[in-house]
Amino acid sequence: MTMQSILDDTNKFLGYLGASEEPFGVHYSDTKPEHAFGPREGVPISRELEEQGKLDMQEAMKTFSCVMGNIWLARKKHSAAFISAEEYGCFGGAYYCSMMTPPLRFIEHYVSTGFAGTPLHGERYLPNPESVGSFLKQVEPRKAPAKYCIFKPLSLFADGEVPEFIIFFARPEVLSGLFTHTCFTTGNVECVVSPFGTGCTSMISWPLYYSERGEEKAVLGGFDPSARKFMKTDELTFTVSLSLYKKMLAALPESMFTHETDWSSVRKKVDRSAKAWGESE
């Protein structure tokens, strides 16, 4: 299946779903896309520097830039977003997108209860640093295969570029179609998972985790409170590997979308939702 045929079938899929925004693809490359959104270059960071007391956190935070924030800009401008080891923007994002390993211990405290006796009270997303450490160790992204991790709309993939994962941004009505069609494609009633993680963890780290284990899983994400400001109201992410996505496209002719099913009533709700949010054409 060529990239052009994937794009053609994606347009059909979007029509069935009633989704107006094309999905993004994520891939790694040694070439930074032109006019892409991403962090500025920051001071060197590493666990080694951190443990030696040589990491200037205040200086490193001066170039803070969220992966989800840059993807949000890329969505608005129909462009690309990127992160690299030098242009990392976020300590967590650098780890989750395979740009730094092992992760900073700072993350274990920042995501949980902070540092006692300091103004950093932590995000309180997990109960203690140990639970965050276990999460980080489990997800453990591979070493990046190229300099840049790039997120961009499928239609911007050039000849020879292949996305590893496909990311949909959608509200519940459209998500119901994505969820059910994934089940229809795989025959697995547990093919959609939603483990804890940041916005970018759900779009790259967890999909990689399952893919490397040979498990065909879609990852439902976007629950991270810190990422919500970079997403539409009521919107979540739905990420699948390219191999699973191709199967989903191939399964469309026999799916609920092309037969008389309850999807027709849901499809009307998709249109009502788009009208309510001022997104109908």
Protein backbone atom coordinates (compact mmCIF):
# COMPACT_ATOMS: atom_id res chain seq x y z
CA MET A 1 0.00 0.00 0.00
CA THR A 2 1.57 3.27 -1.14
CA MET A 3 1.39 6.52 0.79
CA GLN A 4 -0.96 7.90 -1.85
CA SER A 5 -3.33 4.95 -1.49
CA ILE A 6 -3.22 5.40 2.29
CA LEU A 7 -4.18 9.05 1.83
CA ASP A 8 -6.99 8.14 -0.57
CA ASP A 9 -8.40 5.52 1.80
CA THR A 10 -7.94 7.88 4.75
CA ASN A 11 -10.18 10.43 3.04
CA LYS A 12 -12.85 7.73 2.65
CA PHE A 13 -12.42 6.76 6.29
CA LEU A 14 -12.76 10.38 7.42
CA GLY A 15 -15.94 10.64 5.36
CA TYR A 16 -17.43 7.60 7.06
CA LEU A 17 -16.42 8.90 10.49
CA GLY A 18 -17.57 12.44 9.80
CA ALA A 19 -14.19 13.74 10.94
CA SER A 20 -13.04 17.03 9.42
CA GLU A 21 -9.38 16.93 10.52
CA GLU A 22 -6.95 14.57 8.90
CA PRO A 23 -4.83 12.43 11.22
CA PHE A 24 -1.19 13.11 11.98
CA GLY A 25 1.65 10.69 11.40
CA VAL A 26 4.80 10.44 13.49
CA HIS A 27 8.22 9.44 12.20
CA TYR A 28 11.93 9.97 12.83
CA SER A 29 14.26 11.77 10.45
CA ASP A 30 17.67 13.42 10.41
CA THR A 31 16.16 16.37 8.54
CA LYS A 32 14.13 19.03 10.33
CA PRO A 33 10.99 20.00 8.40
CA GLU A 34 10.82 23.57 7.14
CA HIS A 35 8.56 25.97 9.03
CA ALA A 36 8.03 23.38 11.78
CA PHE A 37 7.07 24.16 15.36
CA GLY A 38 9.46 23.03 18.07
CA PRO A 39 11.64 24.06 21.00
CA ARG A 40 14.69 26.27 20.91
CA GLU A 41 18.04 24.62 21.63
CA GLY A 42 18.58 24.24 25.37
CA VAL A 43 21.49 23.65 27.69
CA PRO A 44 22.71 20.02 27.83
CA ILE A 45 20.60 17.76 30.08
CA SER A 46 21.18 14.19 31.25
CA ARG A 47 20.75 11.97 34.31
CA GLU A 48 24.54 12.00 34.69
CA LEU A 49 24.68 15.81 34.87
CA GLU A 50 21.73 15.78 37.24
CA GLU A 51 23.35 13.29 39.62
CA GLN A 52 26.61 15.26 39.54
CA GLY A 53 24.74 18.42 40.50
CA LYS A 54 25.82 20.07 37.24
CA LEU A 55 22.37 20.49 35.66
CA ASP A 56 21.11 24.05 35.92
CA MET A 57 17.35 23.48 36.08
CA GLN A 58 16.50 27.17 35.93
CA GLU A 59 18.56 27.62 32.78
CA ALA A 60 17.10 24.47 31.22
CA MET A 61 13.54 25.62 31.94
CA LYS A 62 14.12 28.86 30.02
CA THR A 63 13.58 26.95 26.77
CA PHE A 64 10.56 24.97 28.02
CA SER A 65 8.24 23.99 25.18
CA CYS A 66 5.58 21.28 25.37
CA VAL A 67 5.37 18.62 22.66
CA MET A 68 1.57 18.87 22.74
CA GLY A 69 1.79 22.65 22.47
CA ASN A 70 3.88 22.44 19.33
CA ILE A 71 1.57 19.81 17.85
CA TRP A 72 -1.36 22.12 18.63
CA LEU A 73 0.31 24.88 16.61
CA ALA A 74 1.10 22.43 13.81
CA ARG A 75 -2.56 21.38 13.71
CA LYS A 76 -3.69 24.98 13.42
CA LYS A 77 -1.19 25.82 10.68
CA HIS A 78 -1.26 22.48 8.82
CA SER A 79 2.44 22.11 9.49
CA ALA A 80 4.87 19.90 11.40
CA ALA A 81 6.09 19.76 14.99
CA PHE A 82 9.40 18.30 16.17
CA ILE A 83 11.63 17.53 19.13
CA SER A 84 15.30 16.55 19.27
CA ALA A 85 17.95 15.84 21.91
CA GLU A 86 19.29 19.41 21.67
CA GLU A 87 15.92 21.10 21.06
CA TYR A 88 14.09 19.20 23.78
CA GLY A 89 11.84 21.82 25.36
CA CYS A 90 10.49 19.46 28.03
CA PHE A 91 12.36 16.95 30.20
CA GLY A 92 9.50 14.46 30.00
CA GLY A 93 8.96 14.96 26.29
CA ALA A 94 12.66 14.34 25.63
CA TYR A 95 12.34 10.96 27.34
CA TYR A 96 8.93 9.94 25.96
CA CYS A 97 9.95 10.79 22.38
CA SER A 98 13.17 8.75 22.69
CA MET A 99 15.52 11.73 22.83
CA MET A 100 17.01 11.07 26.27
CA THR A 101 17.57 7.97 28.37
CA PRO A 102 17.54 7.35 31.25
CA PRO A 103 15.03 10.01 32.34
CA LEU A 104 15.84 12.71 34.85
CA ARG A 105 14.94 11.83 38.43
CA PHE A 106 13.40 15.30 38.58
CA ILE A 107 10.45 13.88 36.61
CA GLU A 108 9.67 11.37 39.38
CA HIS A 109 9.13 14.21 41.83
CA TYR A 110 7.58 16.70 39.41
CA VAL A 111 4.82 14.31 38.29
CA SER A 112 4.05 13.22 41.85
CA THR A 113 4.46 15.13 45.12
CA GLY A 114 7.33 17.50 44.38
CA PHE A 115 10.29 18.13 46.65
CA ALA A 116 9.67 18.47 50.38
CA GLY A 117 10.58 21.87 51.76
CA THR A 118 10.58 23.57 48.34
CA PRO A 119 7.99 25.55 46.35
CA LEU A 120 7.74 22.64 43.88
CA HIS A 121 4.64 20.81 45.12
CA GLY A 122 4.40 18.53 42.08
CA GLU A 123 1.58 17.81 39.65
CA ARG A 124 0.05 15.12 41.93
CA TYR A 125 -0.77 12.85 38.98
CA LEU A 126 0.73 9.79 40.71
CA PRO A 127 0.97 9.32 44.51
CA ASN A 128 4.74 9.27 45.01
CA PRO A 129 8.10 9.38 43.16
CA GLU A 130 8.36 5.58 43.31
CA SER A 131 5.14 5.10 41.32
CA VAL A 132 6.38 7.55 38.68
CA GLY A 133 9.70 5.70 38.55
CA SER A 134 7.89 2.41 37.93
CA PHE A 135 5.86 4.01 35.14
CA LEU A 136 8.98 5.45 33.50
CA LYS A 137 10.78 2.13 33.72
CA GLN A 138 7.85 0.26 32.19
CA VAL A 139 7.29 2.54 29.22
CA GLU A 140 11.07 2.95 28.55
CA PRO A 141 11.16 4.22 24.96
CA ARG A 142 13.86 2.92 22.63
CA LYS A 143 16.79 5.03 21.47
CA ALA A 144 15.67 7.36 18.69
CA PRO A 145 16.51 5.97 15.21
CA ALA A 146 17.17 9.50 13.88
CA LYS A 147 17.82 13.03 15.13
CA TYR A 148 14.27 14.38 15.04
CA CYS A 149 10.93 13.00 16.16
CA ILE A 150 8.41 14.62 13.81
CA PHE A 151 4.63 14.91 13.97
CA LYS A 152 2.74 16.14 10.92
CA PRO A 153 -0.48 15.66 8.91
CA LEU A 154 -0.46 12.57 6.72
CA SER A 155 -0.79 14.67 3.57
CA LEU A 156 2.59 16.29 4.31
CA PHE A 157 4.51 13.03 4.13
CA ALA A 158 6.77 13.15 1.10
CA ASP A 159 7.67 10.26 -1.18
CA GLY A 160 9.82 7.83 0.76
CA GLU A 161 8.61 9.05 4.16
CA VAL A 162 6.61 6.50 6.14
CA PRO A 163 4.81 7.22 9.43
CA GLU A 164 5.26 4.69 12.23
CA PHE A 165 2.04 5.70 13.93
CA ILE A 166 -1.21 7.39 12.98
CA ILE A 167 -2.80 9.84 15.43
CA PHE A 168 -6.43 10.95 15.36
CA PHE A 169 -7.75 13.92 17.33
CA ALA A 170 -11.43 13.35 17.95
CA ARG A 171 -14.45 13.77 20.23
CA PRO A 172 -16.51 10.84 21.61
CA GLU A 173 -18.86 10.34 18.65
CA VAL A 174 -15.99 9.95 16.18
CA LEU A 175 -14.00 7.99 18.78
CA SER A 176 -16.84 5.48 18.98
CA GLY A 177 -16.32 4.80 15.28
CA LEU A 178 -12.55 4.48 15.66
CA PHE A 179 -12.91 2.23 18.71
CA THR A 180 -15.48 -0.09 17.17
CA HIS A 181 -13.74 -0.33 13.81
CA THR A 182 -10.48 -1.27 15.55
CA CYS A 183 -12.34 -4.09 17.32
CA PHE A 184 -13.89 -5.17 14.01
CA THR A 185 -10.48 -5.14 12.31
CA THR A 186 -8.63 -7.10 14.98
CA GLY A 187 -11.38 -9.29 16.44
CA ASN A 188 -9.87 -8.43 19.82
CA VAL A 189 -12.21 -6.91 22.40
CA GLU A 190 -9.20 -5.58 24.31
CA CYS A 191 -7.48 -3.93 21.36
CA VAL A 192 -7.91 -0.39 22.73
CA VAL A 193 -5.91 0.53 25.83
CA SER A 194 -5.50 3.71 27.85
CA PRO A 195 -2.56 3.50 30.27
CA PHE A 196 -1.42 6.48 32.32
CA GLY A 197 0.83 8.97 30.59
CA THR A 198 1.33 12.46 29.27
CA GLY A 199 -0.18 13.58 26.00
CA CYS A 200 2.96 12.64 24.07
CA THR A 201 3.34 9.34 25.96
CA SER A 202 -0.01 8.22 24.56
CA MET A 203 0.96 9.28 21.02
CA ILE A 204 4.42 7.76 20.82
CA SER A 205 5.77 5.95 23.92
CA TRP A 206 2.88 3.57 24.62
CA PRO A 207 2.25 2.83 20.91
CA LEU A 208 5.96 1.95 20.63
CA TYR A 209 5.72 -0.18 23.76
CA TYR A 210 2.94 -2.35 22.32
CA SER A 211 4.34 -2.39 18.79
CA GLU A 212 7.72 -3.67 19.96
CA ARG A 213 5.93 -6.53 21.72
CA GLY A 214 4.01 -7.47 18.61
CA GLU A 215 0.68 -6.41 20.12
CA GLU A 216 -1.87 -4.67 17.90
CA LYS A 217 -3.19 -2.05 20.27
CA ALA A 218 -4.79 1.34 19.74
CA VAL A 219 -3.89 3.84 22.47
CA LEU A 220 -6.55 6.24 23.70
CA GLY A 221 -4.96 9.31 25.27
CA GLY A 222 -5.24 13.00 25.99
CA PHE A 223 -6.31 12.64 29.63
CA ASP A 224 -3.19 14.38 30.97
CA PRO A 225 -4.43 17.60 32.65
CA SER A 226 -1.25 19.39 31.55
CA ALA A 227 -2.01 18.59 27.90
CA ARG A 228 -5.68 19.60 27.93
CA LYS A 229 -4.90 23.25 27.21
CA PHE A 230 -3.45 22.15 23.90
CA MET A 231 -6.53 20.20 22.82
CA LYS A 232 -10.07 21.09 21.87
CA THR A 233 -12.77 20.79 24.50
CA ASP A 234 -13.98 17.16 24.80
CA GLU A 235 -11.23 15.96 22.45
CA LEU A 236 -8.96 12.93 22.94
CA THR A 237 -6.25 11.21 20.90
CA PHE A 238 -6.43 7.79 19.27
CA THR A 239 -3.14 6.31 18.02
CA VAL A 240 -2.49 3.14 16.03
CA SER A 241 0.56 1.66 14.35
CA LEU A 242 0.82 1.98 10.57
CA SER A 243 0.49 -1.79 10.18
CA LEU A 244 -2.78 -1.83 12.14
CA TYR A 245 -4.01 1.25 10.34
CA LYS A 246 -3.53 -0.41 6.97
CA LYS A 247 -5.63 -3.33 8.18
CA MET A 248 -8.31 -0.93 9.37
CA LEU A 249 -8.43 0.72 5.95
CA ALA A 250 -8.57 -2.66 4.21
CA ALA A 251 -11.47 -3.70 6.46
CA LEU A 252 -13.64 -0.69 5.58
CA PRO A 253 -15.68 -2.39 2.79
CA GLU A 254 -17.08 -4.97 5.23
CA SER A 255 -17.39 -2.63 8.20
CA MET A 256 -20.38 -1.04 9.90
CA PHE A 257 -19.72 2.11 7.88
CA THR A 258 -20.82 0.49 4.62
CA HIS A 259 -23.74 -1.57 5.95
CA GLU A 260 -27.05 -0.78 7.62
CA THR A 261 -26.06 -0.49 11.26
CA ASP A 262 -26.55 1.87 14.19
CA TRP A 263 -23.60 3.88 12.94
CA SER A 264 -25.98 5.88 10.74
CA SER A 265 -27.62 7.40 13.85
CA VAL A 266 -24.22 8.07 15.43
CA ARG A 267 -23.09 9.72 12.21
CA LYS A 268 -25.94 12.22 12.55
CA LYS A 269 -24.72 13.02 16.06
CA VAL A 270 -21.24 13.61 14.66
CA ASP A 271 -22.72 16.26 12.38
CA ARG A 272 -24.69 17.82 15.25
CA SER A 273 -21.53 17.91 17.37
CA ALA A 274 -19.59 19.65 14.59
CA LYS A 275 -22.39 22.19 14.20
CA ALA A 276 -22.52 22.80 17.95
CA TRP A 277 -18.79 23.52 18.03
CA GLY A 278 -18.93 25.71 14.92
CA GLU A 279 -16.82 23.24 12.94
CA SER A 280 -19.30 22.15 10.28
CA GLU A 281 -18.50 23.06 6.70
